[in-house]
Protein backbone atom coordinates (compact mmCIF):
# COMPACT_ATOMS: atom_id res chain seq x y z
CA MET A 1 -4.83 24.14 27.54
CA ASP A 2 -2.73 20.99 27.85
CA THR A 3 -5.12 19.16 25.53
CA GLU A 4 -4.79 21.85 22.87
CA MET A 5 -0.99 21.69 23.06
CA GLU A 6 -1.09 17.88 22.80
CA VAL A 7 -3.29 18.02 19.70
CA GLU A 8 -1.02 20.62 18.10
CA ASN A 9 2.08 18.55 18.79
CA LEU A 10 0.52 15.38 17.40
CA GLU A 11 -0.44 17.16 14.20
CA ASN A 12 3.20 18.10 13.58
CA VAL A 13 4.92 14.80 14.38
CA THR A 14 6.53 12.56 11.79
CA VAL A 15 5.31 9.19 10.56
CA ALA A 16 7.64 7.31 12.90
CA GLU A 17 6.42 9.37 15.83
CA THR A 18 2.75 8.74 15.04
CA GLU A 19 3.23 5.01 15.61
CA PRO A 20 1.02 4.07 18.55
CA ALA A 21 2.66 3.63 21.92
CA VAL A 22 1.34 0.08 22.04
CA ALA A 23 3.14 -0.68 18.77
CA GLN A 24 6.39 0.76 20.04
CA GLN A 25 6.33 -1.27 23.25
CA HIS A 26 4.79 -4.52 22.00
CA ARG A 27 5.75 -5.35 18.43
CA LEU A 28 3.76 -8.58 18.45
CA SER A 29 0.55 -6.71 19.22
CA SER A 30 1.25 -4.55 16.15
CA ILE A 31 1.93 -7.49 13.86
CA MET A 32 -1.48 -9.10 14.37
CA PRO A 33 -3.64 -6.17 13.14
CA ILE A 34 -1.28 -5.67 10.20
CA ILE A 35 -1.84 -9.29 9.16
CA ILE A 36 -5.63 -9.09 9.44
CA PHE A 37 -6.00 -5.77 7.64
CA SER A 38 -3.57 -6.76 4.88
CA TYR A 39 -6.03 -9.53 3.95
CA THR A 40 -8.75 -6.92 3.46
CA GLY A 41 -6.45 -4.45 1.74
CA VAL A 42 -5.24 -6.81 -0.96
CA LEU A 43 -8.81 -7.97 -1.66
CA ILE A 44 -9.95 -4.36 -2.08
CA ARG A 45 -7.05 -3.67 -4.45
CA LEU A 46 -7.73 -6.76 -6.54
CA GLY A 47 -11.40 -5.80 -6.71
CA LEU A 48 -10.64 -2.23 -7.74
CA ALA A 49 -8.27 -3.53 -10.42
CA PHE A 50 -11.30 -4.72 -12.37
CA LEU A 51 -12.16 -1.05 -12.96
CA GLY A 52 -9.13 -0.92 -15.27
CA ASN A 53 -6.92 -3.25 -17.30
CA ASN A 54 -3.41 -3.54 -18.67
CA GLN A 55 -4.49 -2.00 -21.96
CA ALA A 56 -5.52 1.10 -19.94
CA PRO A 57 -2.65 1.42 -17.42
CA LEU A 58 -3.85 4.76 -16.06
CA SER A 59 -7.20 3.41 -14.87
CA ALA A 60 -5.54 0.23 -13.60
CA ALA A 61 -3.21 2.25 -11.32
CA PHE A 62 -5.62 5.05 -10.46
CA TRP A 63 -8.39 3.64 -8.29
CA PRO A 64 -6.52 1.49 -5.75
CA ASN A 65 -4.14 4.33 -4.92
CA PHE A 66 -6.85 6.98 -4.78
CA VAL A 67 -9.06 4.87 -2.50
CA GLY A 68 -6.17 3.79 -0.27
CA CYS A 69 -4.92 7.36 0.15
CA PHE A 70 -8.45 8.57 0.88
CA ILE A 71 -8.75 6.04 3.72
CA MET A 72 -5.27 6.97 4.95
CA GLY A 73 -6.20 10.65 5.14
CA PHE A 74 -9.45 9.79 6.93
CA VAL A 75 -7.67 7.63 9.53
CA VAL A 76 -4.69 9.95 10.10
CA GLU A 77 -7.03 12.83 10.86
CA GLN A 78 -8.56 10.74 13.67
CA LYS A 79 -5.31 9.34 15.05
CA ILE A 80 -5.72 10.95 18.47
CA HIS A 81 -9.22 9.57 18.90
CA ILE A 82 -8.19 6.10 17.70
CA HIS A 83 -5.16 6.05 20.01
CA GLN A 84 -7.34 6.82 22.98
CA HIS A 85 -9.80 3.98 22.36
CA PHE A 86 -8.03 1.27 20.35
CA ALA A 87 -4.36 1.92 19.58
CA GLN A 88 -3.88 -1.33 17.64
CA LEU A 89 -6.55 -0.24 15.20
CA TYR A 90 -4.47 2.69 13.97
CA ILE A 91 -1.48 0.67 12.81
CA GLY A 92 -3.79 -1.96 11.35
CA LEU A 93 -5.66 0.58 9.26
CA THR A 94 -2.59 2.55 8.11
CA THR A 95 0.20 -0.02 7.69
CA GLY A 96 -2.07 -3.00 7.08
CA LEU A 97 -5.13 -1.77 5.18
CA CYS A 98 -4.02 1.39 3.36
CA GLY A 99 -0.52 0.06 2.70
CA SER A 100 -2.01 -3.04 1.08
CA ILE A 101 -4.64 -1.24 -1.01
CA THR A 102 -2.08 1.11 -2.55
CA THR A 103 0.89 -0.20 -4.51
CA PHE A 104 3.93 1.76 -5.63
CA SER A 105 5.27 -1.09 -7.76
CA GLY A 106 1.99 -1.23 -9.66
CA VAL A 107 2.25 2.44 -10.56
CA MET A 108 5.86 2.04 -11.68
CA TYR A 109 5.01 -0.94 -13.86
CA ASN A 110 1.87 0.58 -15.37
CA SER A 111 3.79 3.73 -16.29
CA CYS A 112 6.26 1.58 -18.24
CA VAL A 113 3.39 -0.27 -19.89
CA ALA A 114 2.17 3.13 -21.09
CA LEU A 115 5.66 4.06 -22.30
CA PHE A 116 6.41 0.84 -24.19
CA GLY A 117 2.88 0.04 -25.33
CA PRO A 118 1.88 0.13 -29.00
CA SER A 119 1.73 3.63 -30.46
CA SER A 120 1.42 5.20 -33.88
CA HIS A 121 3.23 8.43 -33.00
CA LEU A 122 6.60 9.13 -31.41
CA THR A 123 5.31 11.54 -28.76
CA TYR A 124 2.36 9.41 -27.60
CA PRO A 125 4.37 6.98 -25.43
CA ILE A 126 6.06 9.82 -23.54
CA SER A 127 2.74 11.57 -23.07
CA ASN A 128 1.10 8.36 -21.85
CA TYR A 129 4.00 7.66 -19.51
CA LEU A 130 3.90 11.10 -17.90
CA SER A 131 0.12 11.03 -17.67
CA VAL A 132 0.24 7.85 -15.57
CA ILE A 133 2.98 9.14 -13.24
CA ILE A 134 1.51 12.63 -12.77
CA SER A 135 -2.15 11.61 -12.67
CA VAL A 136 -1.79 8.74 -10.20
CA PHE A 137 0.39 10.60 -7.70
CA SER A 138 -1.70 13.76 -8.00
CA ALA A 139 -4.91 11.80 -7.51
CA SER A 140 -3.38 9.97 -4.55
CA PHE A 141 -2.44 13.24 -2.86
CA ILE A 142 -5.88 14.70 -3.60
CA GLY A 143 -7.50 11.55 -2.20
CA PHE A 144 -5.41 11.94 0.97
CA ILE A 145 -6.51 15.57 1.40
CA ILE A 146 -10.17 14.77 0.67
CA GLY A 147 -10.00 11.94 3.20
CA ARG A 148 -8.75 14.28 5.91
CA HIS A 149 -11.47 16.85 5.17
CA ALA A 150 -14.15 14.15 4.97
CA SER A 151 -13.01 12.82 8.34
CA ILE A 152 -13.35 16.25 9.93
CA PHE A 153 -16.73 16.89 8.32
CA ILE A 154 -18.34 13.50 8.97
CA LEU A 155 -17.14 12.95 12.52
CA SER A 156 -17.63 16.56 13.61
CA LEU A 157 -21.35 16.15 12.93
CA SER A 158 -21.54 13.70 15.80
CA SER A 159 -18.57 14.85 17.87
CA LYS A 160 -20.50 14.70 21.14
CA SER A 161 -21.54 11.11 20.62
CA THR A 162 -18.15 9.92 19.32
CA LYS A 163 -16.44 11.12 22.48
CA LYS A 164 -18.63 8.74 24.48
CA VAL A 165 -18.14 5.75 22.19
CA GLN A 166 -15.68 3.06 23.16
CA TYR A 167 -14.73 1.01 20.11
CA LEU A 168 -14.33 -2.24 22.04
CA ASN A 169 -13.80 -3.10 25.65
CA LYS A 170 -10.33 -4.10 26.84
CA SER A 171 -10.97 -7.84 26.91
CA VAL A 172 -12.23 -7.84 23.32
CA GLN A 173 -9.27 -5.72 22.20
CA ILE A 174 -6.83 -8.23 23.66
CA TRP A 175 -8.40 -11.29 22.03
CA LEU A 176 -9.88 -9.90 18.80
CA PHE A 177 -6.87 -10.11 16.47
CA PRO A 178 -5.43 -13.39 17.86
CA ILE A 179 -8.82 -15.07 17.35
CA LEU A 180 -9.12 -13.71 13.80
CA ILE A 181 -5.62 -14.95 12.94
CA PHE A 182 -6.32 -18.34 14.53
CA ILE A 183 -9.40 -18.68 12.32
CA SER A 184 -7.98 -17.18 9.11
CA ILE A 185 -4.73 -19.14 8.75
CA PRO A 186 -6.21 -22.68 8.61
CA LEU A 187 -9.10 -21.38 6.49
CA LEU A 188 -6.72 -19.93 3.88
CA VAL A 189 -4.64 -23.11 3.85
CA LEU A 190 -7.77 -25.22 3.31
CA LEU A 191 -8.95 -22.97 0.48
CA ALA A 192 -5.53 -23.10 -1.19
CA VAL A 193 -5.41 -26.91 -0.97
CA LEU A 194 -9.00 -27.84 -1.69
CA LEU A 195 -10.14 -25.35 -4.33
CA PRO A 196 -9.36 -26.34 -7.92
CA VAL A 197 -6.89 -24.20 -9.87
CA SER A 198 -8.70 -21.60 -11.95
CA HIS A 199 -8.13 -18.22 -13.51
CA TYR A 200 -8.78 -16.54 -10.14
CA THR A 201 -6.80 -18.85 -7.87
CA TYR A 202 -4.31 -16.02 -7.42
CA PHE A 203 -6.89 -14.29 -5.18
CA ILE A 204 -6.36 -16.92 -2.45
CA TYR A 205 -2.58 -16.98 -2.77
CA SER A 206 -2.42 -13.18 -2.90
CA ILE A 207 -4.17 -13.06 0.47
CA ILE A 208 -1.62 -15.57 1.82
CA PHE A 209 1.35 -13.53 0.53
CA ALA A 210 -0.10 -10.15 1.55
CA PRO A 211 0.90 -10.20 5.27
CA PHE A 212 4.50 -11.08 4.36
CA GLY A 213 4.71 -7.99 2.16
CA SER A 214 3.12 -5.72 4.77
CA LEU A 215 5.29 -7.07 7.58
CA THR A 216 8.46 -6.71 5.50
CA ARG A 217 7.58 -3.06 4.94
CA TYR A 218 6.81 -2.62 8.63
CA ILE A 219 10.17 -4.11 9.66
CA LEU A 220 12.03 -1.94 7.15
CA SER A 221 10.30 1.15 8.56
CA ILE A 222 11.24 0.21 12.12
CA VAL A 223 14.89 -0.41 11.24
CA PHE A 224 15.60 2.34 8.69
CA ASN A 225 13.10 5.18 9.26
CA ILE A 226 15.50 6.90 11.64
CA ASN A 227 15.70 10.27 9.93
CA SER A 228 12.23 11.83 9.91
CA ASN A 229 13.17 13.99 6.91
CA PHE A 230 14.17 10.97 4.80
CA PRO A 231 12.17 7.75 5.47
CA LEU A 232 14.75 5.30 4.16
CA GLY A 233 12.73 2.28 5.22
CA THR A 234 9.76 3.17 3.02
CA LEU A 235 12.12 4.02 0.16
CA LEU A 236 13.76 0.59 0.43
CA ALA A 237 10.36 -1.11 0.58
CA ASN A 238 9.17 0.62 -2.59
CA VAL A 239 12.43 0.07 -4.49
CA ILE A 240 12.96 -3.57 -3.48
CA GLY A 241 9.29 -4.43 -4.01
CA SER A 242 9.31 -2.84 -7.46
CA TYR A 243 12.42 -4.78 -8.47
CA ILE A 244 10.88 -8.07 -7.32
CA TYR A 245 7.69 -7.11 -9.18
CA LEU A 246 9.56 -6.70 -12.48
CA GLY A 247 11.49 -9.92 -11.88
CA MET A 248 8.25 -11.84 -11.38
CA VAL A 249 6.80 -10.26 -14.53
CA ALA A 250 9.90 -11.37 -16.45
CA ILE A 251 9.54 -14.95 -15.18
CA ASN A 252 5.82 -14.97 -15.95
CA GLN A 253 6.24 -13.73 -19.53
CA TYR A 254 9.59 -15.18 -20.55
CA VAL A 255 9.88 -18.57 -18.87
CA ASN A 256 7.83 -21.35 -20.42
CA ILE A 257 5.71 -22.36 -17.45
CA THR A 258 3.29 -25.17 -18.13
CA SER A 259 1.80 -25.51 -14.66
CA PRO A 260 -1.30 -23.31 -14.18
CA LEU A 261 -0.72 -23.35 -10.42
CA VAL A 262 2.83 -21.98 -10.76
CA LYS A 263 1.54 -19.19 -12.99
CA GLN A 264 -1.11 -18.32 -10.41
CA ILE A 265 1.50 -18.28 -7.63
CA ILE A 266 3.74 -15.92 -9.63
CA ILE A 267 0.81 -13.56 -10.12
CA SER A 268 0.09 -13.89 -6.40
CA ILE A 269 3.65 -12.83 -5.53
CA ILE A 270 3.22 -9.81 -7.80
CA GLN A 271 -0.17 -8.83 -6.41
CA GLY A 272 0.14 -10.12 -2.85
CA TYR A 273 3.74 -9.74 -1.73
CA CYS A 274 5.03 -6.94 -3.99
CA GLY A 275 1.73 -5.08 -3.95
CA CYS A 276 1.70 -5.00 -0.15
CA LEU A 277 5.44 -4.44 0.26
CA THR A 278 5.23 -1.24 -1.77
CA THR A 279 2.91 1.58 -0.78
CA VAL A 280 1.70 4.89 -2.14
CA SER A 281 -0.39 5.86 0.90
CA THR A 282 2.57 5.92 3.31
CA PHE A 283 4.66 7.64 0.61
CA ILE A 284 2.06 10.42 0.33
CA LEU A 285 1.72 10.68 4.13
CA GLU A 286 5.48 11.07 4.47
CA LEU A 287 5.61 13.75 1.78
CA ASP A 288 2.90 15.58 3.72
CA THR A 289 4.69 15.31 7.07
CA ILE A 290 8.33 15.97 6.08
CA LYS A 291 9.04 19.47 7.34
CA LYS A 292 11.87 20.60 5.03
CA ARG A 293 10.90 21.17 1.41
CA ARG A 294 14.23 20.14 -0.10
CA TYR A 295 13.94 16.76 1.58
CA ILE A 296 10.45 16.32 0.13
CA TYR A 297 11.75 16.73 -3.42
CA ALA A 298 14.86 14.64 -2.75
CA TYR A 299 12.85 11.78 -1.24
CA ALA A 300 10.24 11.74 -4.02
CA ILE A 301 12.69 12.06 -6.91
CA ILE A 302 15.17 9.49 -5.58
CA THR A 303 12.42 6.93 -4.95
CA VAL A 304 10.97 7.25 -8.45
CA LEU A 305 14.33 7.49 -10.26
CA PHE A 306 15.84 4.42 -8.56
CA ILE A 307 12.94 2.37 -9.88
CA GLN A 308 12.27 3.97 -13.24
CA ILE A 309 15.87 3.93 -14.45
CA VAL A 310 16.05 0.16 -13.99
CA TYR A 311 12.56 -0.37 -15.42
CA ILE A 312 13.16 1.70 -18.54
CA ILE A 313 16.62 0.24 -19.27
CA LEU A 314 15.42 -3.36 -18.92
CA ALA A 315 12.13 -2.76 -20.74
CA ALA A 316 13.98 -1.12 -23.64
CA LYS A 317 16.28 -4.13 -23.89
CA PHE A 318 13.63 -6.79 -23.32
CA SER A 319 10.44 -5.62 -25.00
CA PHE A 320 8.31 -8.38 -23.46
CA LEU A 321 8.75 -6.97 -19.92
CA CYS A 322 6.31 -4.10 -20.25
CA SER A 323 4.03 -5.51 -22.91
CA PRO A 324 0.40 -5.63 -21.81
CA GLN A 325 -0.45 -9.08 -20.51
CA SER A 326 -3.33 -10.93 -22.07
């Protein structure tokens, strides 16, 4: 009976309340899995970006957010089980992995690319703009729901065996993420220094910038997500990250930069830092967990409007901002 009540209570808690107890008591132990999983998340997003391009902004924004929200739904549905066996894993998968795969700033920018892209008819840009906004967020929410159902279906097939499985023993849990960080940091530095600058150098630097974006978002959520009906921390992360994103795009397209390395670093800030600072998966999770409907609409509309008003005004004044990059 107590177990059933505990499960019911956990299903109704807010995002802030679902943070593992280990994360609440030991912030350092939460930072390490976020760093490791943000590496993986940004690589997945950069890989999925090849399924679309800037000339097709809908497909460019669609897949990373759908996949990230699917994983988020899958993980959230198993939060009780994960907490019992490896609490650090939960925050790593949600804040680190899913938050880094999905990118709110990317959706905002791609919607403006659709709006200000070349068109032969007056109504086409508006239609393209709305199709990106509506399609990406709808697909993200659908991915989240499918992930939750897939989690129930797949893991229920072997529920008896999963109850007996221990993810890792305690000693491995304690040393796993510190060892991975100890190995990854010098390796990334060596790759950044030794590899010659090429068209895909931004992959390495994006991985380096990714943890800084994820950790900034995590800190903002800790400090500002006080009201469960209005996650101000996530709102600030998405708004600030989107503004930095547009600023980096302006520098990349307007300033005459001759150094290939500097250009790659700017792209890395866009993809690594801004991409991981902003998140669609947490945004969708919060919309799903906020209890009062009026707060759901207020939170969603304010987040989008704060970004889109600035984007549209600046893009209308400076046409190069939302022109598809070559």
